[in-house]
Structures are given as structure tokens and as C-alpha cells.
PDB file of all heavy atoms in Angstrom:
ATOM      1  N   PHE A   1       0.826  -1.201   0.000  1.00  0.00           N
ATOM      2  CA  PHE A   1       0.000   0.000   0.000  1.00  0.00           C
ATOM      3  C   PHE A   1       0.867   1.261   0.000  1.00  0.00           C
ATOM      4  O   PHE A   1       0.575   2.248  -0.675  1.00  0.00           O
ATOM      5  CB  PHE A   1      -0.897  -0.029   1.262  1.00  0.00           C
ATOM      6  CG  PHE A   1      -1.720   1.212   1.463  1.00  0.00           C
ATOM      7  CD1 PHE A   1      -2.827   1.469   0.668  1.00  0.00           C
ATOM      8  CD2 PHE A   1      -1.394   2.124   2.467  1.00  0.00           C
ATOM      9  CE1 PHE A   1      -3.590   2.604   0.862  1.00  0.00           C
ATOM     10  CE2 PHE A   1      -2.156   3.259   2.667  1.00  0.00           C
ATOM     11  CZ  PHE A   1      -3.267   3.500   1.861  1.00  0.00           C
ATOM     12  N   ALA A   2       1.980   1.218   0.764  1.00  0.00           N
ATOM     13  CA  ALA A   2       2.814   2.413   0.953  1.00  0.00           C
ATOM     14  C   ALA A   2       3.690   2.721  -0.256  1.00  0.00           C
ATOM     15  O   ALA A   2       3.835   3.882  -0.648  1.00  0.00           O
ATOM     16  CB  ALA A   2       3.693   2.238   2.199  1.00  0.00           C
ATOM     17  N   LEU A   3       4.291   1.714  -0.852  1.00  0.00           N
ATOM     18  CA  LEU A   3       5.279   1.950  -1.915  1.00  0.00           C
ATOM     19  C   LEU A   3       4.685   2.653  -3.139  1.00  0.00           C
ATOM     20  O   LEU A   3       5.312   3.576  -3.691  1.00  0.00           O
ATOM     21  CB  LEU A   3       5.955   0.638  -2.302  1.00  0.00           C
ATOM     22  CG  LEU A   3       6.846   0.021  -1.202  1.00  0.00           C
ATOM     23  CD1 LEU A   3       7.429  -1.305  -1.659  1.00  0.00           C
ATOM     24  CD2 LEU A   3       7.966   0.981  -0.806  1.00  0.00           C
ATOM     25  N   PRO A   4       3.472   2.277  -3.618  1.00  0.00           N
ATOM     26  CA  PRO A   4       2.906   3.040  -4.753  1.00  0.00           C
ATOM     27  C   PRO A   4       2.662   4.509  -4.416  1.00  0.00           C
ATOM     28  O   PRO A   4       2.830   5.391  -5.266  1.00  0.00           O
ATOM     29  CB  PRO A   4       1.577   2.310  -5.031  1.00  0.00           C
ATOM     30  CG  PRO A   4       1.774   0.929  -4.492  1.00  0.00           C
ATOM     31  CD  PRO A   4       2.636   1.098  -3.283  1.00  0.00           C
ATOM     32  N   ILE A   5       2.255   4.780  -3.172  1.00  0.00           N
ATOM     33  CA  ILE A   5       2.032   6.172  -2.764  1.00  0.00           C
ATOM     34  C   ILE A   5       3.346   6.938  -2.788  1.00  0.00           C
ATOM     35  O   ILE A   5       3.417   8.087  -3.247  1.00  0.00           O
ATOM     36  CB  ILE A   5       1.392   6.234  -1.359  1.00  0.00           C
ATOM     37  CG1 ILE A   5       0.010   5.593  -1.391  1.00  0.00           C
ATOM     38  CG2 ILE A   5       1.299   7.679  -0.864  1.00  0.00           C
ATOM     39  CD1 ILE A   5      -0.666   5.524  -0.032  1.00  0.00           C
ATOM     40  N   ILE A   6       4.413   6.300  -2.306  1.00  0.00           N
ATOM     41  CA  ILE A   6       5.740   6.939  -2.322  1.00  0.00           C
ATOM     42  C   ILE A   6       6.160   7.214  -3.760  1.00  0.00           C
ATOM     43  O   ILE A   6       6.669   8.299  -4.076  1.00  0.00           O
ATOM     44  CB  ILE A   6       6.773   6.058  -1.599  1.00  0.00           C
ATOM     45  CG1 ILE A   6       6.446   5.959  -0.112  1.00  0.00           C
ATOM     46  CG2 ILE A   6       8.190   6.607  -1.794  1.00  0.00           C
ATOM     47  CD1 ILE A   6       7.300   4.961   0.651  1.00  0.00           C
ATOM     48  N   ALA A   7       5.946   6.241  -4.643  1.00  0.00           N
ATOM     49  CA  ALA A   7       6.328   6.409  -6.046  1.00  0.00           C
ATOM     50  C   ALA A   7       5.575   7.576  -6.684  1.00  0.00           C
ATOM     51  O   ALA A   7       6.165   8.402  -7.395  1.00  0.00           O
ATOM     52  CB  ALA A   7       6.044   5.119  -6.816  1.00  0.00           C
ATOM     53  N   LEU A   8       4.262   7.662  -6.410  1.00  0.00           N
ATOM     54  CA  LEU A   8       3.463   8.760  -6.951  1.00  0.00           C
ATOM     55  C   LEU A   8       3.945  10.105  -6.404  1.00  0.00           C
ATOM     56  O   LEU A   8       4.096  11.087  -7.145  1.00  0.00           O
ATOM     57  CB  LEU A   8       1.991   8.546  -6.599  1.00  0.00           C
ATOM     58  CG  LEU A   8       1.023   9.661  -7.010  1.00  0.00           C
ATOM     59  CD1 LEU A   8       1.032   9.850  -8.529  1.00  0.00           C
ATOM     60  CD2 LEU A   8      -0.396   9.353  -6.524  1.00  0.00           C
ATOM     61  N   GLY A   9       4.207  10.150  -5.102  1.00  0.00           N
ATOM     62  CA  GLY A   9       4.655  11.390  -4.482  1.00  0.00           C
ATOM     63  C   GLY A   9       5.982  11.863  -5.018  1.00  0.00           C
ATOM     64  O   GLY A   9       6.161  13.042  -5.337  1.00  0.00           O
ATOM     65  N   VAL A  10       6.932  10.944  -5.135  1.00  0.00           N
ATOM     66  CA  VAL A  10       8.257  11.302  -5.669  1.00  0.00           C
ATOM     67  C   VAL A  10       8.129  11.754  -7.116  1.00  0.00           C
ATOM     68  O   VAL A  10       8.801  12.707  -7.555  1.00  0.00           O
ATOM     69  CB  VAL A  10       9.230  10.115  -5.543  1.00  0.00           C
ATOM     70  CG1 VAL A  10      10.530  10.407  -6.284  1.00  0.00           C
ATOM     71  CG2 VAL A  10       9.518   9.831  -4.073  1.00  0.00           C
ATOM     72  N   GLY A  11       7.243  11.084  -7.882  1.00  0.00           N
ATOM     73  CA  GLY A  11       7.043  11.488  -9.274  1.00  0.00           C
ATOM     74  C   GLY A  11       6.556  12.929  -9.380  1.00  0.00           C
ATOM     75  O   GLY A  11       7.054  13.708 -10.197  1.00  0.00           O
ATOM     76  N   LEU A  12       5.588  13.299  -8.528  1.00  0.00           N
ATOM     77  CA  LEU A  12       5.095  14.683  -8.519  1.00  0.00           C
ATOM     78  C   LEU A  12       6.175  15.650  -8.063  1.00  0.00           C
ATOM     79  O   LEU A  12       6.324  16.746  -8.603  1.00  0.00           O
ATOM     80  CB  LEU A  12       3.878  14.800  -7.598  1.00  0.00           C
ATOM     81  CG  LEU A  12       2.573  14.132  -8.062  1.00  0.00           C
ATOM     82  CD1 LEU A  12       1.523  14.194  -6.970  1.00  0.00           C
ATOM     83  CD2 LEU A  12       2.054  14.806  -9.327  1.00  0.00           C
ATOM     84  N   ARG A  13       6.939  15.217  -7.066  1.00  0.00           N
ATOM     85  CA  ARG A  13       7.968  16.090  -6.485  1.00  0.00           C
ATOM     86  C   ARG A  13       9.088  16.364  -7.483  1.00  0.00           C
ATOM     87  O   ARG A  13       9.603  17.487  -7.574  1.00  0.00           O
ATOM     88  CB  ARG A  13       8.553  15.415  -5.231  1.00  0.00           C
ATOM     89  CG  ARG A  13       9.638  16.198  -4.510  1.00  0.00           C
ATOM     90  CD  ARG A  13       9.049  17.385  -3.773  1.00  0.00           C
ATOM     91  NE  ARG A  13      10.043  18.111  -3.024  1.00  0.00           N
ATOM     92  CZ  ARG A  13      10.888  18.993  -3.524  1.00  0.00           C
ATOM     93  NH1 ARG A  13      10.857  19.245  -4.833  1.00  0.00           N
ATOM     94  NH2 ARG A  13      11.751  19.637  -2.763  1.00  0.00           N
ATOM     95  N   VAL A  14       9.472  15.363  -8.240  1.00  0.00           N
ATOM     96  CA  VAL A  14      10.610  15.490  -9.166  1.00  0.00           C
ATOM     97  C   VAL A  14      10.168  15.982 -10.537  1.00  0.00           C
ATOM     98  O   VAL A  14      10.868  16.775 -11.181  1.00  0.00           O
ATOM     99  CB  VAL A  14      11.343  14.131  -9.300  1.00  0.00           C
ATOM    100  CG1 VAL A  14      12.424  14.202 -10.359  1.00  0.00           C
ATOM    101  CG2 VAL A  14      11.938  13.718  -7.953  1.00  0.00           C
ATOM    102  N   GLY A  15       8.994  15.551 -10.980  1.00  0.00           N
ATOM    103  CA  GLY A  15       8.603  15.807 -12.366  1.00  0.00           C
ATOM    104  C   GLY A  15       7.878  17.106 -12.624  1.00  0.00           C
ATOM    105  O   GLY A  15       7.662  17.463 -13.787  1.00  0.00           O
ATOM    106  N   LEU A  16       7.479  17.829 -11.579  1.00  0.00           N
ATOM    107  CA  LEU A  16       6.711  19.057 -11.775  1.00  0.00           C
ATOM    108  C   LEU A  16       7.480  20.275 -11.297  1.00  0.00           C
ATOM    109  O   LEU A  16       8.307  20.188 -10.392  1.00  0.00           O
ATOM    110  CB  LEU A  16       5.370  18.976 -11.016  1.00  0.00           C
ATOM    111  CG  LEU A  16       4.402  17.868 -11.478  1.00  0.00           C
ATOM    112  CD1 LEU A  16       3.182  17.838 -10.573  1.00  0.00           C
ATOM    113  CD2 LEU A  16       3.977  18.082 -12.929  1.00  0.00           C
ATOM    114  N   GLN A  17       7.185  21.424 -11.913  1.00  0.00           N
ATOM    115  CA  GLN A  17       7.840  22.677 -11.539  1.00  0.00           C
ATOM    116  C   GLN A  17       6.958  23.536 -10.629  1.00  0.00           C
ATOM    117  O   GLN A  17       7.476  24.367  -9.888  1.00  0.00           O
ATOM    118  CB  GLN A  17       8.196  23.489 -12.798  1.00  0.00           C
ATOM    119  CG  GLN A  17       9.201  22.802 -13.709  1.00  0.00           C
ATOM    120  CD  GLN A  17      10.530  22.537 -13.005  1.00  0.00           C
ATOM    121  OE1 GLN A  17      11.046  23.402 -12.299  1.00  0.00           O
ATOM    122  NE2 GLN A  17      11.070  21.354 -13.207  1.00  0.00           N
ATOM    123  N   ASP A  18       5.653  23.332 -10.715  1.00  0.00           N
ATOM    124  CA  ASP A  18       4.746  24.135  -9.905  1.00  0.00           C
ATOM    125  C   ASP A  18       4.991  23.868  -8.420  1.00  0.00           C
ATOM    126  O   ASP A  18       4.982  22.715  -7.957  1.00  0.00           O
ATOM    127  CB  ASP A  18       3.296  23.798 -10.252  1.00  0.00           C
ATOM    128  CG  ASP A  18       2.304  24.627  -9.476  1.00  0.00           C
ATOM    129  OD1 ASP A  18       2.154  25.819  -9.788  1.00  0.00           O
ATOM    130  OD2 ASP A  18       1.698  24.076  -8.531  1.00  0.00           O
ATOM    131  N   LYS A  19       5.197  24.949  -7.666  1.00  0.00           N
ATOM    132  CA  LYS A  19       5.571  24.829  -6.255  1.00  0.00           C
ATOM    133  C   LYS A  19       4.494  24.121  -5.434  1.00  0.00           C
ATOM    134  O   LYS A  19       4.798  23.252  -4.602  1.00  0.00           O
ATOM    135  CB  LYS A  19       5.839  26.222  -5.686  1.00  0.00           C
ATOM    136  CG  LYS A  19       6.382  26.217  -4.258  1.00  0.00           C
ATOM    137  CD  LYS A  19       6.677  27.638  -3.794  1.00  0.00           C
ATOM    138  CE  LYS A  19       7.198  27.632  -2.357  1.00  0.00           C
ATOM    139  NZ  LYS A  19       7.486  28.999  -1.871  1.00  0.00           N
ATOM    140  N   ARG A  20       3.242  24.466  -5.671  1.00  0.00           N
ATOM    141  CA  ARG A  20       2.161  23.860  -4.885  1.00  0.00           C
ATOM    142  C   ARG A  20       2.020  22.380  -5.181  1.00  0.00           C
ATOM    143  O   ARG A  20       1.809  21.564  -4.273  1.00  0.00           O
ATOM    144  CB  ARG A  20       0.855  24.595  -5.168  1.00  0.00           C
ATOM    145  CG  ARG A  20       0.787  25.981  -4.529  1.00  0.00           C
ATOM    146  CD  ARG A  20      -0.463  26.714  -4.908  1.00  0.00           C
ATOM    147  NE  ARG A  20      -1.662  25.940  -4.586  1.00  0.00           N
ATOM    148  CZ  ARG A  20      -2.884  26.296  -4.949  1.00  0.00           C
ATOM    149  NH1 ARG A  20      -3.074  27.388  -5.667  1.00  0.00           N
ATOM    150  NH2 ARG A  20      -3.920  25.561  -4.610  1.00  0.00           N
ATOM    151  N   ARG A  21       2.153  21.997  -6.475  1.00  0.00           N
ATOM    152  CA  ARG A  21       2.032  20.572  -6.815  1.00  0.00           C
ATOM    153  C   ARG A  21       3.237  19.788  -6.303  1.00  0.00           C
ATOM    154  O   ARG A  21       3.097  18.625  -5.917  1.00  0.00           O
ATOM    155  CB  ARG A  21       1.875  20.411  -8.328  1.00  0.00           C
ATOM    156  CG  ARG A  21       0.503  20.867  -8.835  1.00  0.00           C
ATOM    157  CD  ARG A  21       0.315  20.537 -10.297  1.00  0.00           C
ATOM    158  NE  ARG A  21      -1.050  20.796 -10.730  1.00  0.00           N
ATOM    159  CZ  ARG A  21      -1.494  21.963 -11.162  1.00  0.00           C
ATOM    160  NH1 ARG A  21      -0.649  23.006 -11.209  1.00  0.00           N
ATOM    161  NH2 ARG A  21      -2.752  22.117 -11.522  1.00  0.00           N
ATOM    162  N   ARG A  22       4.397  20.410  -6.302  1.00  0.00           N
ATOM    163  CA  ARG A  22       5.576  19.754  -5.721  1.00  0.00           C
ATOM    164  C   ARG A  22       5.378  19.548  -4.216  1.00  0.00           C
ATOM    165  O   ARG A  22       5.779  18.525  -3.663  1.00  0.00           O
ATOM    166  CB  ARG A  22       6.830  20.600  -5.971  1.00  0.00           C
ATOM    167  CG  ARG A  22       7.348  20.517  -7.408  1.00  0.00           C
ATOM    168  CD  ARG A  22       8.320  21.647  -7.715  1.00  0.00           C
ATOM    169  NE  ARG A  22       9.499  21.592  -6.868  1.00  0.00           N
ATOM    170  CZ  ARG A  22      10.614  20.911  -7.154  1.00  0.00           C
ATOM    171  NH1 ARG A  22      10.685  20.242  -8.301  1.00  0.00           N
ATOM    172  NH2 ARG A  22      11.641  20.909  -6.349  1.00  0.00           N
ATOM    173  N   GLY A  23       4.731  20.523  -3.573  1.00  0.00           N
ATOM    174  CA  GLY A  23       4.411  20.371  -2.156  1.00  0.00           C
ATOM    175  C   GLY A  23       3.463  19.214  -1.919  1.00  0.00           C
ATOM    176  O   GLY A  23       3.603  18.452  -0.955  1.00  0.00           O
ATOM    177  N   LEU A  24       2.481  19.069  -2.807  1.00  0.00           N
ATOM    178  CA  LEU A  24       1.555  17.941  -2.715  1.00  0.00           C
ATOM    179  C   LEU A  24       2.295  16.621  -2.882  1.00  0.00           C
ATOM    180  O   LEU A  24       2.015  15.643  -2.173  1.00  0.00           O
ATOM    181  CB  LEU A  24       0.463  18.084  -3.777  1.00  0.00           C
ATOM    182  CG  LEU A  24      -0.576  16.957  -3.837  1.00  0.00           C
ATOM    183  CD1 LEU A  24      -1.327  16.859  -2.514  1.00  0.00           C
ATOM    184  CD2 LEU A  24      -1.543  17.183  -4.999  1.00  0.00           C
ATOM    185  N   GLY A  25       3.261  16.599  -3.808  1.00  0.00           N
ATOM    186  CA  GLY A  25       4.072  15.392  -3.988  1.00  0.00           C
ATOM    187  C   GLY A  25       4.859  15.050  -2.745  1.00  0.00           C
ATOM    188  O   GLY A  25       4.959  13.866  -2.362  1.00  0.00           O
ATOM    189  N   GLU A  26       5.424  16.079  -2.098  1.00  0.00           N
ATOM    190  CA  GLU A  26       6.175  15.833  -0.860  1.00  0.00           C
ATOM    191  C   GLU A  26       5.260  15.286   0.229  1.00  0.00           C
ATOM    192  O   GLU A  26       5.629  14.378   0.984  1.00  0.00           O
ATOM    193  CB  GLU A  26       6.831  17.133  -0.401  1.00  0.00           C
ATOM    194  CG  GLU A  26       7.718  16.954   0.828  1.00  0.00           C
ATOM    195  CD  GLU A  26       8.471  18.215   1.190  1.00  0.00           C
ATOM    196  OE1 GLU A  26       8.441  19.184   0.400  1.00  0.00           O
ATOM    197  OE2 GLU A  26       9.103  18.238   2.261  1.00  0.00           O
ATOM    198  N   ALA A  27       4.036  15.824   0.304  1.00  0.00           N
ATOM    199  CA  ALA A  27       3.081  15.348   1.305  1.00  0.00           C
ATOM    200  C   ALA A  27       2.698  13.890   1.041  1.00  0.00           C
ATOM    201  O   ALA A  27       2.604  13.081   1.977  1.00  0.00           O
ATOM    202  CB  ALA A  27       1.832  16.227   1.294  1.00  0.00           C
ATOM    203  N   LEU A  28       2.483  13.531  -0.233  1.00  0.00           N
ATOM    204  CA  LEU A  28       2.152  12.137  -0.574  1.00  0.00           C
ATOM    205  C   LEU A  28       3.311  11.197  -0.255  1.00  0.00           C
ATOM    206  O   LEU A  28       3.105  10.082   0.245  1.00  0.00           O
ATOM    207  CB  LEU A  28       1.782  12.033  -2.054  1.00  0.00           C
ATOM    208  CG  LEU A  28       0.371  12.480  -2.445  1.00  0.00           C
ATOM    209  CD1 LEU A  28       0.215  12.485  -3.954  1.00  0.00           C
ATOM    210  CD2 LEU A  28      -0.663  11.556  -1.810  1.00  0.00           C
ATOM    211  N   THR A  29       4.528  11.634  -0.536  1.00  0.00           N
ATOM    212  CA  THR A  29       5.698  10.824  -0.206  1.00  0.00           C
ATOM    213  C   THR A  29       5.755  10.579   1.298  1.00  0.00           C
ATOM    214  O   THR A  29       6.001   9.457   1.757  1.00  0.00           O
ATOM    215  CB  THR A  29       6.992  11.524  -0.673  1.00  0.00           C
ATOM    216  OG1 THR A  29       6.897  11.800  -2.066  1.00  0.00           O
ATOM    217  CG2 THR A  29       8.207  10.655  -0.401  1.00  0.00           C
ATOM    218  N   GLY A  30       5.517  11.654   2.075  1.00  0.00           N
ATOM    219  CA  GLY A  30       5.495  11.509   3.521  1.00  0.00           C
ATOM    220  C   GLY A  30       4.403  10.560   3.977  1.00  0.00           C
ATOM    221  O   GLY A  30       4.591   9.773   4.909  1.00  0.00           O
ATOM    222  N   PHE A  31       3.240  10.616   3.310  1.00  0.00           N
ATOM    223  CA  PHE A  31       2.127   9.735   3.665  1.00  0.00           C
ATOM    224  C   PHE A  31       2.507   8.267   3.448  1.00  0.00           C
ATOM    225  O   PHE A  31       2.209   7.403   4.272  1.00  0.00           O
ATOM    226  CB  PHE A  31       0.906  10.107   2.822  1.00  0.00           C
ATOM    227  CG  PHE A  31      -0.376   9.489   3.285  1.00  0.00           C
ATOM    228  CD1 PHE A  31      -0.889   9.782   4.533  1.00  0.00           C
ATOM    229  CD2 PHE A  31      -1.081   8.626   2.456  1.00  0.00           C
ATOM    230  CE1 PHE A  31      -2.078   9.218   4.956  1.00  0.00           C
ATOM    231  CE2 PHE A  31      -2.277   8.059   2.867  1.00  0.00           C
ATOM    232  CZ  PHE A  31      -2.787   8.357   4.126  1.00  0.00           C
TER     233      PHE A  31
END
């Protein structure tokens, strides 16, 4: 359950430039 969420979060964090969406990615990675 955890690993796909981490993968999605890291993808948002690394692949996007928008600050708010990168923040969302960091939050998902933490989740």
C-alpha cells in the first residue's frame, strides 16, 4: 500500500515545476 504512494509522491515532487504541486508530492511521499 505504501510503496505506490511513495512512487506517486516522488514522481510529482521530481517531475513538476509548480511549487504547490511539488508540495503535494512531498506530502504524498510523507504519507
